[in-house]
Amino acid sequence: MKLPCWLLLPLCSTLFLTGCDHEIKSGDHTDVISFDFRHGSQNWTAGFSDYLLKHAPLYELESGLRDLPAGFQGTGFMLSGHNRSADLFMFLKRKISGLSPSSRYRVELKVTFLSPASKDCVGVGIGGSPGESVWLKFGYADKEPQQDGFTLNVPKGDQSQDGTQAKVQGNIATDAGKCDNTVYRAKTLKNTEKALELTTDAQGSVWLFVGTDSGFEGKTTLYYQQIEVKFTPR
């Protein structure tokens, strides 16, 4: 039998996915799954919504694995866009498989990313703050999250508001940066009070997404370094 690429412990298993495509083998214990983008995309893909498709070039949308900015080593998953619609949503998504079929879980997020947006700064000549007006959300779906018309096909909420299938984890403002957005700082968000409550499908799968809902009418470029999700059976 083909051995999995992770180590399963009796009560709590931590799965470090470093390029392998194995599914979770979940039972009645908690599973913690860690993705490190120094080791590739690991089946995470990028998406954008809440913008006019016919004007897509104006949004300067970019995504993919990139070398990290000055002061950091390795690679991260970069997402970038100019918020012309005043409501741009930029996100990463991945289908998680191997959970217990049709089962309830509490799912918590821990995410580390690089942001150039320092706290207490304002946009010059444009609306919103580059840090406090860009909210990071964590959500789930029973289908692939993608733009449908203008908006996402999953109820994620608008900007700072939670949706029925997504919750705000915090914003992208960092300490000790510069208001000209030239200096990147690492930020980690872990908000256990904003965990998701979800039910897997009949195959034991669920789609997860992590992204920023922006009220800042300028350009935002982030580098995601690590995503960790914790599944606890209910």
C-alpha atoms as a PDB file:
ATOM      1  CA  MET A   1       0.000   0.000   0.000  1.00  0.00           C
ATOM      2  CA  LYS A   2       1.255   3.482  -0.835  1.00  0.00           C
ATOM      3  CA  LEU A   3       2.328   5.301   2.326  1.00  0.00           C
ATOM      4  CA  PRO A   4       0.856   8.771   2.973  1.00  0.00           C
ATOM      5  CA  CYS A   5       3.121  11.815   3.113  1.00  0.00           C
ATOM      6  CA  TRP A   6       1.965  12.758   6.575  1.00  0.00           C
ATOM      7  CA  LEU A   7       2.281  11.361  10.085  1.00  0.00           C
ATOM      8  CA  LEU A   8      -0.926  10.443  11.874  1.00  0.00           C
ATOM      9  CA  LEU A   9      -0.917  10.661  15.662  1.00  0.00           C
ATOM     10  CA  PRO A  10      -3.587   9.016  17.829  1.00  0.00           C
ATOM     11  CA  LEU A  11      -5.296  12.153  19.148  1.00  0.00           C
ATOM     12  CA  CYS A  12      -4.184  15.025  16.990  1.00  0.00           C
ATOM     13  CA  SER A  13      -2.498  14.815  13.616  1.00  0.00           C
ATOM     14  CA  THR A  14      -0.537  17.570  11.918  1.00  0.00           C
ATOM     15  CA  LEU A  15      -0.305  17.172   8.171  1.00  0.00           C
ATOM     16  CA  PHE A  16       2.474  19.126   6.494  1.00  0.00           C
ATOM     17  CA  LEU A  17       1.625  19.202   2.795  1.00  0.00           C
ATOM     18  CA  THR A  18       4.780  20.053   0.877  1.00  0.00           C
ATOM     19  CA  GLY A  19       3.798  19.357  -2.690  1.00  0.00           C
ATOM     20  CA  CYS A  20       2.106  15.982  -2.210  1.00  0.00           C
ATOM     21  CA  ASP A  21      -1.486  15.469  -3.323  1.00  0.00           C
ATOM     22  CA  HIS A  22      -2.615  12.944  -0.707  1.00  0.00           C
ATOM     23  CA  GLU A  23      -6.017  13.294   0.899  1.00  0.00           C
ATOM     24  CA  ILE A  24      -6.660  13.668   4.600  1.00  0.00           C
ATOM     25  CA  LYS A  25      -7.357  10.431   6.414  1.00  0.00           C
ATOM     26  CA  SER A  26      -9.620  11.750   9.115  1.00  0.00           C
ATOM     27  CA  GLY A  27     -11.336   9.978  11.981  1.00  0.00           C
ATOM     28  CA  ASP A  28     -12.723  11.162  15.307  1.00  0.00           C
ATOM     29  CA  HIS A  29      -9.690  13.302  16.113  1.00  0.00           C
ATOM     30  CA  THR A  30      -8.584  16.799  15.160  1.00  0.00           C
ATOM     31  CA  ASP A  31      -6.614  17.234  11.947  1.00  0.00           C
ATOM     32  CA  VAL A  32      -4.323  20.215  11.418  1.00  0.00           C
ATOM     33  CA  ILE A  33      -3.217  20.671   7.818  1.00  0.00           C
ATOM     34  CA  SER A  34      -0.358  23.066   6.993  1.00  0.00           C
ATOM     35  CA  PHE A  35       0.493  24.397   3.541  1.00  0.00           C
ATOM     36  CA  ASP A  36       3.809  26.198   3.002  1.00  0.00           C
ATOM     37  CA  PHE A  37       4.104  28.005  -0.330  1.00  0.00           C
ATOM     38  CA  ARG A  38       7.878  27.659  -0.331  1.00  0.00           C
ATOM     39  CA  HIS A  39       7.080  24.165  -1.605  1.00  0.00           C
ATOM     40  CA  GLY A  40       4.749  25.091  -4.453  1.00  0.00           C
ATOM     41  CA  SER A  41       1.049  25.845  -4.826  1.00  0.00           C
ATOM     42  CA  GLN A  42      -0.082  22.475  -3.385  1.00  0.00           C
ATOM     43  CA  ASN A  43      -3.301  22.595  -5.413  1.00  0.00           C
ATOM     44  CA  TRP A  44      -4.309  26.071  -4.230  1.00  0.00           C
ATOM     45  CA  THR A  45      -5.466  28.262  -7.109  1.00  0.00           C
ATOM     46  CA  ALA A  46      -6.312  31.953  -7.374  1.00  0.00           C
ATOM     47  CA  GLY A  47      -9.630  33.637  -8.075  1.00  0.00           C
ATOM     48  CA  PHE A  48     -11.074  37.137  -8.343  1.00  0.00           C
ATOM     49  CA  SER A  49     -14.634  38.452  -8.070  1.00  0.00           C
ATOM     50  CA  ASP A  50     -16.710  41.594  -7.541  1.00  0.00           C
ATOM     51  CA  TYR A  51     -15.348  43.337 -10.615  1.00  0.00           C
ATOM     52  CA  LEU A  52     -16.513  44.038 -14.156  1.00  0.00           C
ATOM     53  CA  LEU A  53     -15.244  41.368 -16.528  1.00  0.00           C
ATOM     54  CA  LYS A  54     -15.440  43.700 -19.496  1.00  0.00           C
ATOM     55  CA  HIS A  55     -13.039  46.052 -17.703  1.00  0.00           C
ATOM     56  CA  ALA A  56     -10.684  43.330 -16.454  1.00  0.00           C
ATOM     57  CA  PRO A  57      -7.468  44.953 -17.806  1.00  0.00           C
ATOM     58  CA  LEU A  58      -8.139  48.024 -15.639  1.00  0.00           C
ATOM     59  CA  TYR A  59      -7.947  45.915 -12.502  1.00  0.00           C
ATOM     60  CA  GLU A  60      -4.350  44.777 -13.175  1.00  0.00           C
ATOM     61  CA  LEU A  61      -5.108  41.292 -11.835  1.00  0.00           C
ATOM     62  CA  GLU A  62      -2.091  39.048 -11.226  1.00  0.00           C
ATOM     63  CA  SER A  63      -1.525  35.838  -9.304  1.00  0.00           C
ATOM     64  CA  GLY A  64       0.838  32.889  -8.940  1.00  0.00           C
ATOM     65  CA  LEU A  65       3.910  31.652  -7.120  1.00  0.00           C
ATOM     66  CA  ARG A  66       6.511  34.419  -6.938  1.00  0.00           C
ATOM     67  CA  ASP A  67       9.803  35.144  -5.203  1.00  0.00           C
ATOM     68  CA  LEU A  68       9.132  37.050  -1.996  1.00  0.00           C
ATOM     69  CA  PRO A  69       9.917  40.784  -1.872  1.00  0.00           C
ATOM     70  CA  ALA A  70      13.112  42.306  -0.505  1.00  0.00           C
ATOM     71  CA  GLY A  71      13.966  41.179   3.017  1.00  0.00           C
ATOM     72  CA  PHE A  72      12.406  37.717   2.649  1.00  0.00           C
ATOM     73  CA  GLN A  73      13.548  34.450   1.105  1.00  0.00           C
ATOM     74  CA  GLY A  74      11.691  31.746  -0.745  1.00  0.00           C
ATOM     75  CA  THR A  75       8.416  31.893  -2.609  1.00  0.00           C
ATOM     76  CA  GLY A  76       4.852  32.820  -1.785  1.00  0.00           C
ATOM     77  CA  PHE A  77       1.490  32.815  -3.524  1.00  0.00           C
ATOM     78  CA  MET A  78       1.050  36.361  -4.787  1.00  0.00           C
ATOM     79  CA  LEU A  79      -2.325  38.014  -5.384  1.00  0.00           C
ATOM     80  CA  SER A  80      -2.529  41.518  -6.778  1.00  0.00           C
ATOM     81  CA  GLY A  81      -5.248  43.795  -8.087  1.00  0.00           C
ATOM     82  CA  HIS A  82      -6.303  47.434  -8.407  1.00  0.00           C
ATOM     83  CA  ASN A  83      -9.686  47.889  -6.756  1.00  0.00           C
ATOM     84  CA  ARG A  84     -11.458  49.934  -9.441  1.00  0.00           C
ATOM     85  CA  SER A  85     -14.880  48.626  -8.338  1.00  0.00           C
ATOM     86  CA  ALA A  86     -14.294  49.593  -4.676  1.00  0.00           C
ATOM     87  CA  ASP A  87     -15.213  46.012  -3.776  1.00  0.00           C
ATOM     88  CA  LEU A  88     -12.599  43.667  -5.268  1.00  0.00           C
ATOM     89  CA  PHE A  89     -12.299  40.178  -3.755  1.00  0.00           C
ATOM     90  CA  MET A  90      -8.990  38.329  -4.356  1.00  0.00           C
ATOM     91  CA  PHE A  91      -8.760  34.797  -3.004  1.00  0.00           C
ATOM     92  CA  LEU A  92      -7.071  31.414  -2.902  1.00  0.00           C
ATOM     93  CA  LYS A  93      -9.175  28.262  -3.041  1.00  0.00           C
ATOM     94  CA  ARG A  94      -8.639  24.531  -2.588  1.00  0.00           C
ATOM     95  CA  LYS A  95     -10.774  21.408  -2.344  1.00  0.00           C
ATOM     96  CA  ILE A  96     -10.038  19.360   0.779  1.00  0.00           C
ATOM     97  CA  SER A  97     -10.849  15.637   0.538  1.00  0.00           C
ATOM     98  CA  GLY A  98     -10.662  12.581   2.777  1.00  0.00           C
ATOM     99  CA  LEU A  99     -12.803  13.910   5.633  1.00  0.00           C
ATOM    100  CA  SER A 100     -15.697  11.929   7.089  1.00  0.00           C
ATOM    101  CA  PRO A 101     -18.644  11.979   4.643  1.00  0.00           C
ATOM    102  CA  SER A 102     -21.661  14.188   5.415  1.00  0.00           C
ATOM    103  CA  SER A 103     -20.141  15.191   8.755  1.00  0.00           C
ATOM    104  CA  ARG A 104     -20.038  18.372  10.795  1.00  0.00           C
ATOM    105  CA  TYR A 105     -16.713  20.091  11.485  1.00  0.00           C
ATOM    106  CA  ARG A 106     -15.473  23.221  13.174  1.00  0.00           C
ATOM    107  CA  VAL A 107     -12.691  24.660  11.004  1.00  0.00           C
ATOM    108  CA  GLU A 108     -10.167  27.248  12.184  1.00  0.00           C
ATOM    109  CA  LEU A 109      -7.687  29.218  10.078  1.00  0.00           C
ATOM    110  CA  LYS A 110      -4.142  30.380  10.714  1.00  0.00           C
ATOM    111  CA  VAL A 111      -2.637  32.324   7.818  1.00  0.00           C
ATOM    112  CA  THR A 112       0.676  34.153   7.392  1.00  0.00           C
ATOM    113  CA  PHE A 113       1.171  36.667   4.602  1.00  0.00           C
ATOM    114  CA  LEU A 114       3.343  39.626   3.635  1.00  0.00           C
ATOM    115  CA  SER A 115       1.619  43.001   3.400  1.00  0.00           C
ATOM    116  CA  PRO A 116       2.986  46.445   2.470  1.00  0.00           C
ATOM    117  CA  ALA A 117       0.051  48.218   4.150  1.00  0.00           C
ATOM    118  CA  SER A 118       0.985  49.835   7.455  1.00  0.00           C
ATOM    119  CA  LYS A 119      -1.680  50.679  10.018  1.00  0.00           C
ATOM    120  CA  ASP A 120      -3.023  54.219  10.421  1.00  0.00           C
ATOM    121  CA  CYS A 121      -2.398  55.157   6.765  1.00  0.00           C
ATOM    122  CA  VAL A 122      -4.861  56.646   4.294  1.00  0.00           C
ATOM    123  CA  GLY A 123      -5.133  56.514   0.536  1.00  0.00           C
ATOM    124  CA  VAL A 124      -4.085  59.714  -1.207  1.00  0.00           C
ATOM    125  CA  GLY A 125      -6.931  60.993  -3.377  1.00  0.00           C
ATOM    126  CA  ILE A 126      -8.814  57.680  -3.146  1.00  0.00           C
ATOM    127  CA  GLY A 127     -11.224  56.074  -0.708  1.00  0.00           C
ATOM    128  CA  GLY A 128     -10.339  53.790   2.157  1.00  0.00           C
ATOM    129  CA  SER A 129      -7.201  52.754   3.984  1.00  0.00           C
ATOM    130  CA  PRO A 130      -4.707  50.359   2.343  1.00  0.00           C
ATOM    131  CA  GLY A 131      -4.556  48.361   5.583  1.00  0.00           C
ATOM    132  CA  GLU A 132      -7.648  48.666   7.744  1.00  0.00           C
ATOM    133  CA  SER A 133     -10.041  48.790   4.749  1.00  0.00           C
ATOM    134  CA  VAL A 134      -8.845  45.453   3.335  1.00  0.00           C
ATOM    135  CA  TRP A 135     -10.410  42.568   5.265  1.00  0.00           C
ATOM    136  CA  LEU A 136      -9.222  38.972   5.133  1.00  0.00           C
ATOM    137  CA  LYS A 137     -11.974  36.343   4.980  1.00  0.00           C
ATOM    138  CA  PHE A 138     -12.101  32.583   5.446  1.00  0.00           C
ATOM    139  CA  GLY A 139     -14.943  30.665   3.825  1.00  0.00           C
ATOM    140  CA  TYR A 140     -16.226  27.340   2.573  1.00  0.00           C
ATOM    141  CA  ALA A 141     -18.450  25.983  -0.198  1.00  0.00           C
ATOM    142  CA  ASP A 142     -19.894  22.753  -1.569  1.00  0.00           C
ATOM    143  CA  LYS A 143     -18.852  23.827  -5.080  1.00  0.00           C
ATOM    144  CA  GLU A 144     -15.833  25.556  -6.535  1.00  0.00           C
ATOM    145  CA  PRO A 145     -15.825  29.241  -5.476  1.00  0.00           C
ATOM    146  CA  GLN A 146     -15.730  31.475  -8.554  1.00  0.00           C
ATOM    147  CA  GLN A 147     -17.172  34.657  -9.965  1.00  0.00           C
ATOM    148  CA  ASP A 148     -20.751  34.356 -11.206  1.00  0.00           C
ATOM    149  CA  GLY A 149     -21.799  37.522 -12.980  1.00  0.00           C
ATOM    150  CA  PHE A 150     -20.320  40.270 -10.832  1.00  0.00           C
ATOM    151  CA  THR A 151     -20.085  38.544  -7.438  1.00  0.00           C
ATOM    152  CA  LEU A 152     -18.756  35.318  -5.948  1.00  0.00           C
ATOM    153  CA  ASN A 153     -21.061  32.289  -6.199  1.00  0.00           C
ATOM    154  CA  VAL A 154     -20.716  31.810  -2.429  1.00  0.00           C
ATOM    155  CA  PRO A 155     -22.307  34.137   0.189  1.00  0.00           C
ATOM    156  CA  LYS A 156     -19.124  35.672   1.612  1.00  0.00           C
ATOM    157  CA  GLY A 157     -20.561  38.959   2.866  1.00  0.00           C
ATOM    158  CA  ASP A 158     -19.574  42.444   1.737  1.00  0.00           C
ATOM    159  CA  GLN A 159     -16.256  44.007   2.787  1.00  0.00           C
ATOM    160  CA  SER A 160     -16.160  44.089   6.627  1.00  0.00           C
ATOM    161  CA  GLN A 161     -19.343  42.014   6.977  1.00  0.00           C
ATOM    162  CA  ASP A 162     -19.414  38.253   7.485  1.00  0.00           C
ATOM    163  CA  GLY A 163     -21.369  36.111   5.049  1.00  0.00           C
ATOM    164  CA  THR A 164     -23.293  32.937   5.796  1.00  0.00           C
ATOM    165  CA  GLN A 165     -20.330  30.908   4.469  1.00  0.00           C
ATOM    166  CA  ALA A 166     -17.377  33.201   5.236  1.00  0.00           C
ATOM    167  CA  LYS A 167     -16.085  35.150   8.210  1.00  0.00           C
ATOM    168  CA  VAL A 168     -13.771  38.128   8.562  1.00  0.00           C
ATOM    169  CA  GLN A 169     -10.528  37.134  10.320  1.00  0.00           C
ATOM    170  CA  GLY A 170      -8.958  40.596  10.504  1.00  0.00           C
ATOM    171  CA  ASN A 171      -7.371  43.159   8.183  1.00  0.00           C
ATOM    172  CA  ILE A 172      -4.018  43.393   6.382  1.00  0.00           C
ATOM    173  CA  ALA A 173      -2.580  46.387   8.273  1.00  0.00           C
ATOM    174  CA  THR A 174       0.895  45.733   9.735  1.00  0.00           C
ATOM    175  CA  ASP A 175       3.070  47.418  12.347  1.00  0.00           C
ATOM    176  CA  ALA A 176       6.236  49.409  11.580  1.00  0.00           C
ATOM    177  CA  GLY A 177       5.679  49.680   7.848  1.00  0.00           C
ATOM    178  CA  LYS A 178       5.558  52.785   5.650  1.00  0.00           C
ATOM    179  CA  CYS A 179       2.548  54.593   4.263  1.00  0.00           C
ATOM    180  CA  ASP A 180       4.043  54.579   0.765  1.00  0.00           C
ATOM    181  CA  ASN A 181       3.505  50.789   0.665  1.00  0.00           C
ATOM    182  CA  THR A 182       7.163  50.081  -0.143  1.00  0.00           C
ATOM    183  CA  VAL A 183       8.056  47.957   2.893  1.00  0.00           C
ATOM    184  CA  TYR A 184       6.570  44.495   3.393  1.00  0.00           C
ATOM    185  CA  ARG A 185       5.954  43.072   6.840  1.00  0.00           C
ATOM    186  CA  ALA A 186       4.775  39.594   7.838  1.00  0.00           C
ATOM    187  CA  LYS A 187       1.417  39.257   9.531  1.00  0.00           C
ATOM    188  CA  THR A 188      -0.295  36.193  10.987  1.00  0.00           C
ATOM    189  CA  LEU A 189      -4.023  36.026  11.614  1.00  0.00           C
ATOM    190  CA  LYS A 190      -5.524  33.352  13.840  1.00  0.00           C
ATOM    191  CA  ASN A 191      -9.011  34.146  15.032  1.00  0.00           C
ATOM    192  CA  THR A 192     -10.448  31.135  16.850  1.00  0.00           C
ATOM    193  CA  GLU A 193     -13.643  33.065  17.597  1.00  0.00           C
ATOM    194  CA  LYS A 194     -14.351  33.276  13.852  1.00  0.00           C
ATOM    195  CA  ALA A 195     -14.126  29.572  13.044  1.00  0.00           C
ATOM    196  CA  LEU A 196     -16.366  28.038  10.390  1.00  0.00           C
ATOM    197  CA  GLU A 197     -19.078  25.475  11.096  1.00  0.00           C
ATOM    198  CA  LEU A 198     -19.596  23.304   8.037  1.00  0.00           C
ATOM    199  CA  THR A 199     -20.789  19.936   6.762  1.00  0.00           C
ATOM    200  CA  THR A 200     -18.767  17.883   4.274  1.00  0.00           C
ATOM    201  CA  ASP A 201     -20.380  16.395   1.176  1.00  0.00           C
ATOM    202  CA  ALA A 202     -21.214  12.714   0.650  1.00  0.00           C
ATOM    203  CA  GLN A 203     -17.630  12.085  -0.486  1.00  0.00           C
ATOM    204  CA  GLY A 204     -16.077  13.755   2.566  1.00  0.00           C
ATOM    205  CA  SER A 205     -14.944  16.867   0.701  1.00  0.00           C
ATOM    206  CA  VAL A 206     -15.317  20.621   1.054  1.00  0.00           C
ATOM    207  CA  TRP A 207     -13.966  23.698  -0.742  1.00  0.00           C
ATOM    208  CA  LEU A 208     -12.119  26.281   1.366  1.00  0.00           C
ATOM    209  CA  PHE A 209     -11.122  29.800   0.371  1.00  0.00           C
ATOM    210  CA  VAL A 210      -9.009  32.561   1.923  1.00  0.00           C
ATOM    211  CA  GLY A 211      -8.961  36.064   0.500  1.00  0.00           C
ATOM    212  CA  THR A 212      -9.267  39.808   0.879  1.00  0.00           C
ATOM    213  CA  ASP A 213     -12.437  41.853   0.473  1.00  0.00           C
ATOM    214  CA  SER A 214     -11.321  45.396  -0.245  1.00  0.00           C
ATOM    215  CA  GLY A 215     -12.806  48.809   0.426  1.00  0.00           C
ATOM    216  CA  PHE A 216      -9.515  50.480  -0.492  1.00  0.00           C
ATOM    217  CA  GLU A 217      -9.765  52.019  -3.954  1.00  0.00           C
ATOM    218  CA  GLY A 218      -6.123  51.412  -4.824  1.00  0.00           C
ATOM    219  CA  LYS A 219      -3.777  48.541  -5.617  1.00  0.00           C
ATOM    220  CA  THR A 220      -3.145  45.724  -3.144  1.00  0.00           C
ATOM    221  CA  THR A 221      -0.395  43.111  -3.566  1.00  0.00           C
ATOM    222  CA  LEU A 222      -0.040  40.354  -0.974  1.00  0.00           C
ATOM    223  CA  TYR A 223       2.216  37.305  -0.706  1.00  0.00           C
ATOM    224  CA  TYR A 224       0.694  34.354   1.134  1.00  0.00           C
ATOM    225  CA  GLN A 225       3.375  32.283   2.875  1.00  0.00           C
ATOM    226  CA  GLN A 226       1.495  29.696   4.926  1.00  0.00           C
ATOM    227  CA  ILE A 227      -2.066  28.504   5.401  1.00  0.00           C
ATOM    228  CA  GLU A 228      -3.039  26.206   8.248  1.00  0.00           C
ATOM    229  CA  VAL A 229      -6.525  24.766   8.743  1.00  0.00           C
ATOM    230  CA  LYS A 230      -7.722  22.842  11.772  1.00  0.00           C
ATOM    231  CA  PHE A 231     -10.639  20.411  11.417  1.00  0.00           C
ATOM    232  CA  THR A 232     -12.395  19.363  14.618  1.00  0.00           C
ATOM    233  CA  PRO A 233     -15.337  16.912  14.401  1.00  0.00           C
ATOM    234  CA  ARG A 234     -18.542  18.193  15.988  1.00  0.00           C
END
